[in-house]
C-alpha atoms as a PDB file:
ATOM      1  CA  MET A   1     110.967  77.175 119.487  1.00  0.00           C
ATOM      2  CA  SER A   2     111.077  77.430 115.696  1.00  0.00           C
ATOM      3  CA  VAL A   3     108.953  74.940 113.742  1.00  0.00           C
ATOM      4  CA  ILE A   4     111.623  74.703 111.026  1.00  0.00           C
ATOM      5  CA  GLU A   5     115.252  75.706 111.411  1.00  0.00           C
ATOM      6  CA  THR A   6     118.214  75.067 109.149  1.00  0.00           C
ATOM      7  CA  ARG A   7     121.801  76.127 109.766  1.00  0.00           C
ATOM      8  CA  ASN A   8     124.379  76.166 106.986  1.00  0.00           C
ATOM      9  CA  LEU A   9     122.491  73.430 105.141  1.00  0.00           C
ATOM     10  CA  ARG A  10     124.358  71.991 102.156  1.00  0.00           C
ATOM     11  CA  LYS A  11     123.515  69.350  99.587  1.00  0.00           C
ATOM     12  CA  HIS A  12     125.790  68.071  96.817  1.00  0.00           C
ATOM     13  CA  TYR A  13     124.764  65.859  93.928  1.00  0.00           C
ATOM     14  CA  ARG A  14     128.230  64.847  92.724  1.00  0.00           C
ATOM     15  CA  ARG A  15     129.504  68.046  91.063  1.00  0.00           C
ATOM     16  CA  ILE A  16     126.263  69.970  91.537  1.00  0.00           C
ATOM     17  CA  GLU A  17     125.908  71.994  94.739  1.00  0.00           C
ATOM     18  CA  ALA A  18     122.148  72.224  95.130  1.00  0.00           C
ATOM     19  CA  LEU A  19     122.231  74.008  98.517  1.00  0.00           C
ATOM     20  CA  LYS A  20     125.104  76.253  99.552  1.00  0.00           C
ATOM     21  CA  GLY A  21     124.811  76.840 103.270  1.00  0.00           C
ATOM     22  CA  VAL A  22     121.128  77.767 103.623  1.00  0.00           C
ATOM     23  CA  SER A  23     119.990  79.037 107.021  1.00  0.00           C
ATOM     24  CA  LEU A  24     116.362  79.890 107.761  1.00  0.00           C
ATOM     25  CA  ARG A  25     113.800  79.861 110.571  1.00  0.00           C
ATOM     26  CA  VAL A  26     110.049  79.356 110.335  1.00  0.00           C
ATOM     27  CA  GLU A  27     108.121  80.310 113.454  1.00  0.00           C
ATOM     28  CA  ARG A  28     104.998  78.647 114.821  1.00  0.00           C
ATOM     29  CA  GLY A  29     101.733  79.918 113.386  1.00  0.00           C
ATOM     30  CA  GLU A  30     103.143  81.727 110.378  1.00  0.00           C
ATOM     31  CA  ILE A  31     102.827  81.170 106.638  1.00  0.00           C
ATOM     32  CA  TYR A  32     106.292  81.152 105.105  1.00  0.00           C
ATOM     33  CA  GLY A  33     106.821  81.306 101.347  1.00  0.00           C
ATOM     34  CA  LEU A  34     109.956  79.889  99.724  1.00  0.00           C
ATOM     35  CA  LEU A  35     110.572  81.505  96.342  1.00  0.00           C
ATOM     36  CA  GLY A  36     113.056  80.819  93.594  1.00  0.00           C
ATOM     37  CA  GLN A  37     113.439  79.951  89.938  1.00  0.00           C
ATOM     38  CA  ASN A  38     113.454  76.374  88.720  1.00  0.00           C
ATOM     39  CA  GLY A  39     116.678  74.777  89.926  1.00  0.00           C
ATOM     40  CA  ALA A  40     117.128  77.228  92.806  1.00  0.00           C
ATOM     41  CA  GLY A  41     117.056  74.435  95.405  1.00  0.00           C
ATOM     42  CA  LYS A  42     113.515  74.758  96.794  1.00  0.00           C
ATOM     43  CA  SER A  43     112.514  71.141  96.220  1.00  0.00           C
ATOM     44  CA  THR A  44     115.852  69.885  97.528  1.00  0.00           C
ATOM     45  CA  LEU A  45     115.359  71.792 100.772  1.00  0.00           C
ATOM     46  CA  VAL A  46     111.838  70.393 101.218  1.00  0.00           C
ATOM     47  CA  LYS A  47     113.032  66.847 100.488  1.00  0.00           C
ATOM     48  CA  ILE A  48     115.732  67.192 103.148  1.00  0.00           C
ATOM     49  CA  LEU A  49     113.142  68.377 105.686  1.00  0.00           C
ATOM     50  CA  LEU A  50     110.984  65.354 104.853  1.00  0.00           C
ATOM     51  CA  SER A  51     113.950  62.942 104.841  1.00  0.00           C
ATOM     52  CA  ILE A  52     113.393  62.038 101.201  1.00  0.00           C
ATOM     53  CA  VAL A  53     117.045  62.918 100.556  1.00  0.00           C
ATOM     54  CA  ARG A  54     119.946  63.281 102.975  1.00  0.00           C
ATOM     55  CA  ARG A  55     121.811  66.510 103.535  1.00  0.00           C
ATOM     56  CA  THR A  56     125.528  66.656 102.813  1.00  0.00           C
ATOM     57  CA  SER A  57     126.285  68.850 105.812  1.00  0.00           C
ATOM     58  CA  GLY A  58     124.714  71.407 108.129  1.00  0.00           C
ATOM     59  CA  GLU A  59     121.850  71.057 110.594  1.00  0.00           C
ATOM     60  CA  ALA A  60     118.087  70.931 110.192  1.00  0.00           C
ATOM     61  CA  THR A  61     115.321  70.556 112.772  1.00  0.00           C
ATOM     62  CA  MET A  62     111.571  70.315 112.408  1.00  0.00           C
ATOM     63  CA  LEU A  63     109.095  70.709 115.272  1.00  0.00           C
ATOM     64  CA  GLY A  64     111.986  70.612 117.728  1.00  0.00           C
ATOM     65  CA  GLU A  65     113.275  67.275 116.426  1.00  0.00           C
ATOM     66  CA  PRO A  66     116.179  66.493 114.084  1.00  0.00           C
ATOM     67  CA  VAL A  67     114.788  65.951 110.582  1.00  0.00           C
ATOM     68  CA  GLY A  68     114.156  62.296 109.855  1.00  0.00           C
ATOM     69  CA  THR A  69     112.699  61.270 113.202  1.00  0.00           C
ATOM     70  CA  THR A  70     109.364  59.462 113.195  1.00  0.00           C
ATOM     71  CA  ARG A  71     107.950  61.828 115.825  1.00  0.00           C
ATOM     72  CA  ALA A  72     108.559  64.829 113.591  1.00  0.00           C
ATOM     73  CA  ARG A  73     107.233  63.264 110.397  1.00  0.00           C
ATOM     74  CA  GLN A  74     104.017  62.135 112.090  1.00  0.00           C
ATOM     75  CA  ARG A  75     103.200  65.773 112.817  1.00  0.00           C
ATOM     76  CA  VAL A  76     103.674  66.995 109.230  1.00  0.00           C
ATOM     77  CA  GLY A  77     101.291  67.103 106.267  1.00  0.00           C
ATOM     78  CA  TYR A  78     102.715  67.302 102.747  1.00  0.00           C
ATOM     79  CA  LEU A  79     101.292  68.104  99.322  1.00  0.00           C
ATOM     80  CA  PRO A  80     103.927  67.518  96.606  1.00  0.00           C
ATOM     81  CA  GLU A  81     103.903  69.217  93.226  1.00  0.00           C
ATOM     82  CA  ASP A  82     102.427  67.154  90.360  1.00  0.00           C
ATOM     83  CA  HIS A  83     101.093  64.515  92.720  1.00  0.00           C
ATOM     84  CA  GLN A  84      99.271  61.549  91.167  1.00  0.00           C
ATOM     85  CA  PHE A  85      96.452  59.714  92.933  1.00  0.00           C
ATOM     86  CA  PRO A  86      95.165  56.358  91.603  1.00  0.00           C
ATOM     87  CA  GLY A  87      92.243  57.123  89.323  1.00  0.00           C
ATOM     88  CA  TYR A  88      90.194  54.162  90.544  1.00  0.00           C
ATOM     89  CA  HIS A  89      89.893  55.719  94.011  1.00  0.00           C
ATOM     90  CA  SER A  90      87.153  58.125  94.986  1.00  0.00           C
ATOM     91  CA  ALA A  91      87.916  61.054  97.277  1.00  0.00           C
ATOM     92  CA  GLU A  92      86.372  59.135 100.153  1.00  0.00           C
ATOM     93  CA  SER A  93      88.270  55.876  99.568  1.00  0.00           C
ATOM     94  CA  LEU A  94      91.538  57.752  99.021  1.00  0.00           C
ATOM     95  CA  LEU A  95      91.262  59.526 102.371  1.00  0.00           C
ATOM     96  CA  HIS A  96      90.425  56.217 104.059  1.00  0.00           C
ATOM     97  CA  PHE A  97      93.625  54.821 102.523  1.00  0.00           C
ATOM     98  CA  TYR A  98      95.762  57.717 103.747  1.00  0.00           C
ATOM     99  CA  GLY A  99      94.059  57.662 107.123  1.00  0.00           C
ATOM    100  CA  ARG A 100      95.119  54.043 107.598  1.00  0.00           C
ATOM    101  CA  LEU A 101      98.679  55.013 106.676  1.00  0.00           C
ATOM    102  CA  TYR A 102      98.479  57.745 109.320  1.00  0.00           C
ATOM    103  CA  GLY A 103      97.294  55.182 111.877  1.00  0.00           C
ATOM    104  CA  MET A 104      93.847  56.721 112.287  1.00  0.00           C
ATOM    105  CA  SER A 105      90.953  54.576 113.534  1.00  0.00           C
ATOM    106  CA  ARG A 106      87.919  53.927 111.330  1.00  0.00           C
ATOM    107  CA  HIS A 107      85.832  56.064 113.680  1.00  0.00           C
ATOM    108  CA  ASP A 108      88.206  59.010 113.301  1.00  0.00           C
ATOM    109  CA  ARG A 109      88.378  58.549 109.537  1.00  0.00           C
ATOM    110  CA  ASN A 110      84.586  58.478 109.204  1.00  0.00           C
ATOM    111  CA  ARG A 111      84.323  61.653 111.243  1.00  0.00           C
ATOM    112  CA  ARG A 112      87.146  63.471 109.517  1.00  0.00           C
ATOM    113  CA  ILE A 113      86.427  62.679 105.839  1.00  0.00           C
ATOM    114  CA  PRO A 114      83.165  64.693 105.507  1.00  0.00           C
ATOM    115  CA  GLU A 115      84.792  67.630 107.334  1.00  0.00           C
ATOM    116  CA  MET A 116      87.798  67.687 105.013  1.00  0.00           C
ATOM    117  CA  LEU A 117      85.829  67.282 101.798  1.00  0.00           C
ATOM    118  CA  GLU A 118      83.447  70.046 102.887  1.00  0.00           C
ATOM    119  CA  LEU A 119      86.402  72.291 103.639  1.00  0.00           C
ATOM    120  CA  VAL A 120      87.952  71.865 100.171  1.00  0.00           C
ATOM    121  CA  GLY A 121      84.644  71.950  98.304  1.00  0.00           C
ATOM    122  CA  LEU A 122      84.456  68.273  97.291  1.00  0.00           C
ATOM    123  CA  ARG A 123      81.670  67.020  99.577  1.00  0.00           C
ATOM    124  CA  GLY A 124      79.372  66.535  96.599  1.00  0.00           C
ATOM    125  CA  ARG A 125      81.991  64.471  94.728  1.00  0.00           C
ATOM    126  CA  ALA A 126      82.994  62.192  97.603  1.00  0.00           C
ATOM    127  CA  SER A 127      82.054  58.987  95.761  1.00  0.00           C
ATOM    128  CA  THR A 128      83.165  60.050  92.265  1.00  0.00           C
ATOM    129  CA  LYS A 129      86.244  58.401  90.769  1.00  0.00           C
ATOM    130  CA  ILE A 130      89.347  60.595  90.778  1.00  0.00           C
ATOM    131  CA  ARG A 131      89.928  59.849  87.085  1.00  0.00           C
ATOM    132  CA  THR A 132      86.976  62.145  86.350  1.00  0.00           C
ATOM    133  CA  TYR A 133      88.390  65.062  88.361  1.00  0.00           C
ATOM    134  CA  SER A 134      89.802  68.240  86.871  1.00  0.00           C
ATOM    135  CA  LYS A 135      93.315  69.383  87.758  1.00  0.00           C
ATOM    136  CA  GLY A 136      91.886  71.875  90.234  1.00  0.00           C
ATOM    137  CA  MET A 137      89.768  69.216  91.945  1.00  0.00           C
ATOM    138  CA  LYS A 138      92.816  66.974  92.299  1.00  0.00           C
ATOM    139  CA  GLN A 139      94.669  69.866  93.931  1.00  0.00           C
ATOM    140  CA  ARG A 140      91.821  70.334  96.393  1.00  0.00           C
ATOM    141  CA  LEU A 141      91.881  66.630  97.208  1.00  0.00           C
ATOM    142  CA  GLY A 142      95.645  66.791  97.688  1.00  0.00           C
ATOM    143  CA  LEU A 143      95.151  69.614 100.156  1.00  0.00           C
ATOM    144  CA  ALA A 144      92.584  67.525 102.049  1.00  0.00           C
ATOM    145  CA  GLN A 145      95.058  64.634 102.167  1.00  0.00           C
ATOM    146  CA  ALA A 146      97.788  66.900 103.574  1.00  0.00           C
ATOM    147  CA  MET A 147      95.484  68.188 106.329  1.00  0.00           C
ATOM    148  CA  PHE A 148      93.660  64.929 107.042  1.00  0.00           C
ATOM    149  CA  HIS A 149      95.552  63.829 110.174  1.00  0.00           C
ATOM    150  CA  ASP A 150      95.467  67.335 111.702  1.00  0.00           C
ATOM    151  CA  PRO A 151      99.233  68.023 111.448  1.00  0.00           C
ATOM    152  CA  GLU A 152     101.014  70.894 113.177  1.00  0.00           C
ATOM    153  CA  LEU A 153     103.113  71.744 110.115  1.00  0.00           C
ATOM    154  CA  ILE A 154     101.797  71.651 106.539  1.00  0.00           C
ATOM    155  CA  ILE A 155     104.252  71.765 103.622  1.00  0.00           C
ATOM    156  CA  LEU A 156     102.616  72.709 100.323  1.00  0.00           C
ATOM    157  CA  ASP A 157     104.364  72.627  96.938  1.00  0.00           C
ATOM    158  CA  GLU A 158     102.429  74.709  94.372  1.00  0.00           C
ATOM    159  CA  PRO A 159      99.038  74.210  96.109  1.00  0.00           C
ATOM    160  CA  THR A 160      97.101  76.456  93.690  1.00  0.00           C
ATOM    161  CA  ASP A 161      98.606  75.041  90.489  1.00  0.00           C
ATOM    162  CA  GLY A 162      95.806  74.456  87.974  1.00  0.00           C
ATOM    163  CA  VAL A 163      93.152  75.981  90.234  1.00  0.00           C
ATOM    164  CA  ASP A 164      90.839  78.693  88.875  1.00  0.00           C
ATOM    165  CA  PRO A 165      90.738  82.165  90.518  1.00  0.00           C
ATOM    166  CA  VAL A 166      87.720  81.311  92.683  1.00  0.00           C
ATOM    167  CA  GLY A 167      89.394  78.099  93.834  1.00  0.00           C
ATOM    168  CA  ARG A 168      92.636  79.942  94.603  1.00  0.00           C
ATOM    169  CA  ARG A 169      90.757  82.361  96.820  1.00  0.00           C
ATOM    170  CA  GLU A 170      89.094  79.449  98.628  1.00  0.00           C
ATOM    171  CA  ILE A 171      92.479  77.781  99.189  1.00  0.00           C
ATOM    172  CA  ARG A 172      93.866  81.042 100.570  1.00  0.00           C
ATOM    173  CA  THR A 173      90.919  81.171 102.945  1.00  0.00           C
ATOM    174  CA  ILE A 174      91.635  77.608 104.063  1.00  0.00           C
ATOM    175  CA  MET A 175      95.290  78.461 104.726  1.00  0.00           C
ATOM    176  CA  GLN A 176      94.259  81.519 106.709  1.00  0.00           C
ATOM    177  CA  ARG A 177      91.927  79.383 108.843  1.00  0.00           C
ATOM    178  CA  LEU A 178      94.717  76.907 109.476  1.00  0.00           C
ATOM    179  CA  LYS A 179      96.966  79.753 110.594  1.00  0.00           C
ATOM    180  CA  GLU A 180      94.237  80.989 112.963  1.00  0.00           C
ATOM    181  CA  GLN A 181      94.183  77.479 114.447  1.00  0.00           C
ATOM    182  CA  GLY A 182      97.906  77.788 115.203  1.00  0.00           C
ATOM    183  CA  LYS A 183      99.100  75.670 112.268  1.00  0.00           C
ATOM    184  CA  THR A 184     102.321  76.512 110.469  1.00  0.00           C
ATOM    185  CA  ILE A 185     102.421  76.487 106.662  1.00  0.00           C
ATOM    186  CA  PHE A 186     105.571  76.225 104.552  1.00  0.00           C
ATOM    187  CA  LEU A 187     104.695  77.137 100.981  1.00  0.00           C
ATOM    188  CA  ASN A 188     106.462  76.795  97.630  1.00  0.00           C
ATOM    189  CA  SER A 189     104.811  78.673  94.783  1.00  0.00           C
ATOM    190  CA  HIS A 190     105.571  80.341  91.460  1.00  0.00           C
ATOM    191  CA  LEU A 191     102.390  82.439  91.735  1.00  0.00           C
ATOM    192  CA  LEU A 192     103.950  85.439  93.451  1.00  0.00           C
ATOM    193  CA  SER A 193     100.666  87.352  93.565  1.00  0.00           C
ATOM    194  CA  GLU A 194      99.227  84.491  95.639  1.00  0.00           C
ATOM    195  CA  VAL A 195     102.258  84.424  97.931  1.00  0.00           C
ATOM    196  CA  GLU A 196     101.997  88.172  98.480  1.00  0.00           C
ATOM    197  CA  LEU A 197      98.371  87.836  99.567  1.00  0.00           C
ATOM    198  CA  ILE A 198      98.816  84.998 102.074  1.00  0.00           C
ATOM    199  CA  CYS A 199     102.398  84.792 103.370  1.00  0.00           C
ATOM    200  CA  ASP A 200     103.778  86.509 106.462  1.00  0.00           C
ATOM    201  CA  ARG A 201     107.428  86.094 105.449  1.00  0.00           C
ATOM    202  CA  VAL A 202     109.291  84.913 102.381  1.00  0.00           C
ATOM    203  CA  GLY A 203     112.781  83.752 101.506  1.00  0.00           C
ATOM    204  CA  ILE A 204     114.300  83.931  98.022  1.00  0.00           C
ATOM    205  CA  LEU A 205     116.658  81.159  96.930  1.00  0.00           C
ATOM    206  CA  GLN A 206     119.007  81.649  93.998  1.00  0.00           C
ATOM    207  CA  ARG A 207     121.294  78.811  92.881  1.00  0.00           C
ATOM    208  CA  GLY A 208     121.216  77.219  96.309  1.00  0.00           C
ATOM    209  CA  GLU A 209     121.784  80.402  98.341  1.00  0.00           C
ATOM    210  CA  MET A 210     119.339  82.432 100.413  1.00  0.00           C
ATOM    211  CA  ILE A 211     119.742  85.905  98.914  1.00  0.00           C
ATOM    212  CA  ARG A 212     116.811  87.734 100.564  1.00  0.00           C
ATOM    213  CA  GLU A 213     114.465  87.077 103.452  1.00  0.00           C
ATOM    214  CA  GLY A 214     111.948  89.072 105.465  1.00  0.00           C
ATOM    215  CA  ASP A 215     108.316  89.980 106.017  1.00  0.00           C
ATOM    216  CA  ILE A 216     106.235  91.006 102.999  1.00  0.00           C
ATOM    217  CA  ALA A 217     105.512  94.572 104.138  1.00  0.00           C
ATOM    218  CA  THR A 218     109.156  95.413 104.799  1.00  0.00           C
ATOM    219  CA  LEU A 219     110.512  93.797 101.638  1.00  0.00           C
ATOM    220  CA  THR A 220     108.031  95.456  99.282  1.00  0.00           C
ATOM    221  CA  ARG A 221     108.226  98.908 100.840  1.00  0.00           C
ATOM    222  CA  GLN A 222     109.831 101.507  98.585  1.00  0.00           C
ATOM    223  CA  LYS A 223     111.828 103.529 101.070  1.00  0.00           C
ATOM    224  CA  GLY A 224     111.363 107.271 100.819  1.00  0.00           C
ATOM    225  CA  LEU A 225     108.466 107.186  98.339  1.00  0.00           C
ATOM    226  CA  PHE A 226     104.987 108.165  99.552  1.00  0.00           C
ATOM    227  CA  ILE A 227     101.505 108.562  98.074  1.00  0.00           C
ATOM    228  CA  VAL A 228      99.786 111.763  99.264  1.00  0.00           C
ATOM    229  CA  GLY A 229      96.125 112.714  98.910  1.00  0.00           C
ATOM    230  CA  LEU A 230      94.347 115.904  99.909  1.00  0.00           C
ATOM    231  CA  ALA A 231      90.724 116.768 100.596  1.00  0.00           C
ATOM    232  CA  GLU A 232      88.447 117.018  97.550  1.00  0.00           C
ATOM    233  CA  GLY A 233      89.068 120.183  95.555  1.00  0.00           C
ATOM    234  CA  GLU A 234      92.500 120.887  97.069  1.00  0.00           C
ATOM    235  CA  THR A 235      95.720 120.837  95.039  1.00  0.00           C
ATOM    236  CA  LEU A 236      99.270 120.274  96.156  1.00  0.00           C
ATOM    237  CA  PRO A 237     101.555 123.164  95.065  1.00  0.00           C
ATOM    238  CA  THR A 238     104.238 120.926  93.588  1.00  0.00           C
ATOM    239  CA  ASP A 239     106.577 123.755  92.547  1.00  0.00           C
ATOM    240  CA  GLU A 240     106.949 124.910  96.140  1.00  0.00           C
ATOM    241  CA  LEU A 241     107.675 121.373  97.351  1.00  0.00           C
ATOM    242  CA  VAL A 242     110.238 120.790  94.632  1.00  0.00           C
ATOM    243  CA  ARG A 243     112.111 123.919  95.785  1.00  0.00           C
ATOM    244  CA  THR A 244     112.498 122.275  99.215  1.00  0.00           C
ATOM    245  CA  GLY A 245     114.432 119.404  97.609  1.00  0.00           C
ATOM    246  CA  LEU A 246     111.562 116.931  97.179  1.00  0.00           C
ATOM    247  CA  SER A 247     110.576 115.159  93.987  1.00  0.00           C
ATOM    248  CA  VAL A 248     106.829 115.384  93.315  1.00  0.00           C
ATOM    249  CA  SER A 249     104.668 114.019  90.495  1.00  0.00           C
ATOM    250  CA  ARG A 250     100.920 113.734  89.930  1.00  0.00           C
ATOM    251  CA  SER A 251      99.410 110.232  89.921  1.00  0.00           C
ATOM    252  CA  GLY A 252      95.674 110.423  89.235  1.00  0.00           C
ATOM    253  CA  ILE A 253      93.970 112.065  92.204  1.00  0.00           C
ATOM    254  CA  PHE A 254      97.119 111.565  94.322  1.00  0.00           C
ATOM    255  CA  TRP A 255     100.705 112.795  94.307  1.00  0.00           C
ATOM    256  CA  GLU A 256     103.899 110.762  94.578  1.00  0.00           C
ATOM    257  CA  VAL A 257     106.465 112.392  96.845  1.00  0.00           C
ATOM    258  CA  ALA A 258     110.068 111.155  96.914  1.00  0.00           C
ATOM    259  CA  LEU A 259     112.144 112.221  99.899  1.00  0.00           C
ATOM    260  CA  SER A 260     115.771 113.232  99.679  1.00  0.00           C
ATOM    261  CA  ASP A 261     118.416 111.503 101.793  1.00  0.00           C
ATOM    262  CA  GLY A 262     117.952 112.345 105.461  1.00  0.00           C
ATOM    263  CA  GLN A 263     114.423 113.717 105.065  1.00  0.00           C
ATOM    264  CA  THR A 264     111.369 112.279 106.781  1.00  0.00           C
ATOM    265  CA  ILE A 265     107.717 112.393 105.773  1.00  0.00           C
ATOM    266  CA  ASP A 266     107.147 114.747 108.718  1.00  0.00           C
ATOM    267  CA  VAL A 267     108.589 117.519 106.558  1.00  0.00           C
ATOM    268  CA  VAL A 268     105.821 117.035 103.997  1.00  0.00           C
ATOM    269  CA  VAL A 269     103.063 116.719 106.602  1.00  0.00           C
ATOM    270  CA  ASP A 270     104.160 119.900 108.400  1.00  0.00           C
ATOM    271  CA  TRP A 271     104.398 121.759 105.081  1.00  0.00           C
ATOM    272  CA  ILE A 272     100.860 120.715 104.058  1.00  0.00           C
ATOM    273  CA  ARG A 273      99.387 121.747 107.415  1.00  0.00           C
ATOM    274  CA  SER A 274     101.225 125.085 107.422  1.00  0.00           C
ATOM    275  CA  ARG A 275      99.375 126.018 104.217  1.00  0.00           C
ATOM    276  CA  GLY A 276      95.963 125.089 105.548  1.00  0.00           C
ATOM    277  CA  LEU A 277      95.578 122.018 103.346  1.00  0.00           C
ATOM    278  CA  ARG A 278      93.778 118.914 104.623  1.00  0.00           C
ATOM    279  CA  LEU A 279      95.679 115.634 104.410  1.00  0.00           C
ATOM    280  CA  ARG A 280      93.368 112.701 103.617  1.00  0.00           C
ATOM    281  CA  HIS A 281      95.701 109.983 102.345  1.00  0.00           C
ATOM    282  CA  LEU A 282      99.304 109.109 103.200  1.00  0.00           C
ATOM    283  CA  VAL A 283     100.912 105.704 102.582  1.00  0.00           C
ATOM    284  CA  GLU A 284     104.406 104.541 101.800  1.00  0.00           C
ATOM    285  CA  LYS A 285     104.440 103.202  98.263  1.00  0.00           C
ATOM    286  CA  ARG A 286     105.043  99.500  97.767  1.00  0.00           C
ATOM    287  CA  GLN A 287     106.324  97.487  94.854  1.00  0.00           C
ATOM    288  CA  SER A 288     104.816  94.134  93.986  1.00  0.00           C
ATOM    289  CA  LEU A 289     106.454  90.962  95.256  1.00  0.00           C
ATOM    290  CA  GLU A 290     107.029  89.976  91.630  1.00  0.00           C
ATOM    291  CA  ASP A 291     108.985  93.205  91.001  1.00  0.00           C
ATOM    292  CA  LEU A 292     111.001  92.612  94.173  1.00  0.00           C
ATOM    293  CA  PHE A 293     111.721  89.007  93.182  1.00  0.00           C
ATOM    294  CA  VAL A 294     112.908  89.894  89.675  1.00  0.00           C
ATOM    295  CA  ALA A 295     115.062  92.765  90.944  1.00  0.00           C
ATOM    296  CA  THR A 296     116.585  90.625  93.716  1.00  0.00           C
ATOM    297  CA  VAL A 297     117.400  87.705  91.435  1.00  0.00           C
ATOM    298  CA  ASP A 298     118.843  89.983  88.763  1.00  0.00           C
ATOM    299  CA  ALA A 299     120.961  91.841  91.327  1.00  0.00           C
ATOM    300  CA  ALA A 300     122.370  88.525  92.565  1.00  0.00           C
ATOM    301  CA  GLU A 301     123.116  87.336  89.037  1.00  0.00           C
ATOM    302  CA  PRO A 302     122.642  90.070  86.405  1.00  0.00           C
ATOM    303  CA  GLY A 303     121.120  88.869  83.152  1.00  0.00           C
ATOM    304  CA  ILE A 304     119.925  85.532  84.545  1.00  0.00           C
ATOM    305  CA  ASP A 305     116.507  85.991  82.895  1.00  0.00           C
ATOM    306  CA  LEU A 306     117.933  87.020  79.519  1.00  0.00           C
ATOM    307  CA  PRO A 307     118.498  84.622  76.632  1.00  0.00           C
ATOM    308  CA  ARG A 308     122.130  83.543  76.493  1.00  0.00           C
ATOM    309  CA  SER A 309     122.649  85.432  73.200  1.00  0.00           C
ATOM    310  CA  ALA A 310     121.527  88.686  74.860  1.00  0.00           C
ATOM    311  CA  ARG A 311     123.964  88.507  77.787  1.00  0.00           C
ATOM    312  CA  GLN A 312     127.236  90.370  77.830  1.00  0.00           C
ATOM    313  CA  PRO A 313     130.092  88.327  76.313  1.00  0.00           C
ATOM    314  CA  ARG A 314     132.767  87.094  78.651  1.00  0.00           C
ATOM    315  CA  VAL A 315     136.044  88.993  78.372  1.00  0.00           C
ATOM    316  CA  MET A 316     139.159  86.861  78.034  1.00  0.00           C
ATOM    317  CA  VAL A 317     142.199  88.400  79.725  1.00  0.00           C
ATOM    318  CA  GLY A 318     145.640  87.661  78.324  1.00  0.00           C
ATOM    319  CA  GLY A 319     144.493  85.968  75.106  1.00  0.00           C
ATOM    320  CA  ALA A 320     142.462  82.897  74.329  1.00  0.00           C
ATOM    321  CA  GLY A 321     145.309  80.564  74.954  1.00  0.00           C
ATOM    322  CA  GLN A 322     145.796  81.509  78.619  1.00  0.00           C
END
């Protein structure tokens, strides 16, 4: 059973079509990253899942229940982007407040609060007023709030926004621990390097449509391009390889080998062995998730990242008056 599933999900705001038939599945125990530019529809999709807004058409389920049911929402933790906590609260009093909203007993709250604050690195600031917190500390507290009632599904919108590099690593570690506990994490983030490090699968939204989806390793693989390394002191005779139809270039202590259509890397491996060379390194080259994202978005809508003045002018057919 999928933790999140949408089928042909649509949302209209009068003349604006925010979602145009989005279908996706998020499986139990995985970290799924939803990517897209501002206005792509990411927040709208999350708000539909959380019943903050109603869908126009299509189907959506969460934890085996139709979205909007109390049973489903009780099993979800949520950290919104740009959340604001009352500055007069301390971390401890804030979690007591949310715990009461979650229906937790005082005993459970007293047990859970030290655990959560220790986990997010705020144990020493439990009694300090939130108004004195940095942006990163507020993000950590928001993460504690989202996890406080031990939900099965955790939806995070820009969880590392404003957090320093050390804090981002700690938050990644927390998410990995949650995954190991069988939790499912649905993540929105503009920090693609962070997404690449933590997510199992990603989906790319562009103007309300899902234009690419898959696991990180498959999406970022550059098909037919390999990095080859030999034993110390050995050199790859590139001229001979080029004559076989391969494209070869030196890259530091390694070589980049591009296969022709229909070729496999076995051809290169057999060739190296036949000449008595010792293969020490062989990996398929990957592009960064950021490169993939930019290329995918631009392919879906060429020039979308260019200033309007730099885009190609529209061609009028039949004269301006037609």
